Each structure stands twice: as C-alpha cells, then as structure tokens.
Amino acid sequence: MIEQPHYDSYSIPARVSLGIAIFGGTLLIAVMLTGAFIVH
C-alpha cells in the first residue's frame, strides 16, 4: 500500500517514455524502409 502513491506519480512519466520509445522505433523503421526503397 505504501508503494501505490509512488507508482501513481511515476505512471505518467513512464507512459511518456514508452510513447517516445514507440514513436522513435516506428520512425526508425520508416526511415529504414524509405532508404531501402531509394536504394532499390
């Protein structure tokens, strides 16, 4: 029960970091696919 408020306060930064990681990974894949199409 003591760790629950800490988890709630940490929930938003964790979701933001996860969103940035997913966005970065998707952007990286898009750049790789675009580069592959340009090379071929």
C-alpha atoms as a PDB file:
ATOM      1  CA  MET A   1       0.000   0.000   0.000  1.00  0.00           C
ATOM      2  CA  ILE A   2       2.954   2.328   0.653  1.00  0.00           C
ATOM      3  CA  GLU A   3       4.333   1.971  -2.884  1.00  0.00           C
ATOM      4  CA  GLN A   4       0.983   2.700  -4.559  1.00  0.00           C
ATOM      5  CA  PRO A   5       1.205   6.560  -4.476  1.00  0.00           C
ATOM      6  CA  HIS A   6       4.770   6.359  -5.827  1.00  0.00           C
ATOM      7  CA  TYR A   7       3.521   4.130  -8.653  1.00  0.00           C
ATOM      8  CA  ASP A   8       0.714   6.582  -9.451  1.00  0.00           C
ATOM      9  CA  SER A   9       3.117   9.548  -9.568  1.00  0.00           C
ATOM     10  CA  TYR A  10       5.513   7.543 -11.770  1.00  0.00           C
ATOM     11  CA  SER A  11       2.764   6.332 -14.114  1.00  0.00           C
ATOM     12  CA  ILE A  12       2.653   9.442 -16.330  1.00  0.00           C
ATOM     13  CA  PRO A  13       6.445   9.749 -16.951  1.00  0.00           C
ATOM     14  CA  ALA A  14       6.588   6.010 -17.671  1.00  0.00           C
ATOM     15  CA  ARG A  15       3.798   6.311 -20.260  1.00  0.00           C
ATOM     16  CA  VAL A  16       5.500   9.347 -21.841  1.00  0.00           C
ATOM     17  CA  SER A  17       8.818   7.495 -22.065  1.00  0.00           C
ATOM     18  CA  LEU A  18       7.085   4.448 -23.530  1.00  0.00           C
ATOM     19  CA  GLY A  19       5.302   6.612 -26.094  1.00  0.00           C
ATOM     20  CA  ILE A  20       8.569   8.278 -27.107  1.00  0.00           C
ATOM     21  CA  ALA A  21      10.255   4.874 -27.420  1.00  0.00           C
ATOM     22  CA  ILE A  22       7.434   3.521 -29.632  1.00  0.00           C
ATOM     23  CA  PHE A  23       7.453   6.699 -31.749  1.00  0.00           C
ATOM     24  CA  GLY A  24      11.244   6.533 -32.109  1.00  0.00           C
ATOM     25  CA  GLY A  25      11.151   2.865 -33.096  1.00  0.00           C
ATOM     26  CA  THR A  26       8.388   3.440 -35.644  1.00  0.00           C
ATOM     27  CA  LEU A  27      10.250   6.430 -37.100  1.00  0.00           C
ATOM     28  CA  LEU A  28      13.459   4.380 -37.336  1.00  0.00           C
ATOM     29  CA  ILE A  29      11.654   1.560 -39.188  1.00  0.00           C
ATOM     30  CA  ALA A  30      10.038   4.090 -41.553  1.00  0.00           C
ATOM     31  CA  VAL A  31      13.446   5.636 -42.331  1.00  0.00           C
ATOM     32  CA  MET A  32      14.957   2.182 -42.958  1.00  0.00           C
ATOM     33  CA  LEU A  33      12.108   1.193 -45.297  1.00  0.00           C
ATOM     34  CA  THR A  34      12.348   4.509 -47.152  1.00  0.00           C
ATOM     35  CA  GLY A  35      16.106   4.054 -47.520  1.00  0.00           C
ATOM     36  CA  ALA A  36      15.591   0.519 -48.832  1.00  0.00           C
ATOM     37  CA  PHE A  37      13.111   1.761 -51.453  1.00  0.00           C
ATOM     38  CA  ILE A  38      15.527   4.520 -52.533  1.00  0.00           C
ATOM     39  CA  VAL A  39      18.433   2.063 -52.864  1.00  0.00           C
ATOM     40  CA  HIS A  40      16.403  -0.388 -54.923  1.00  0.00           C
END
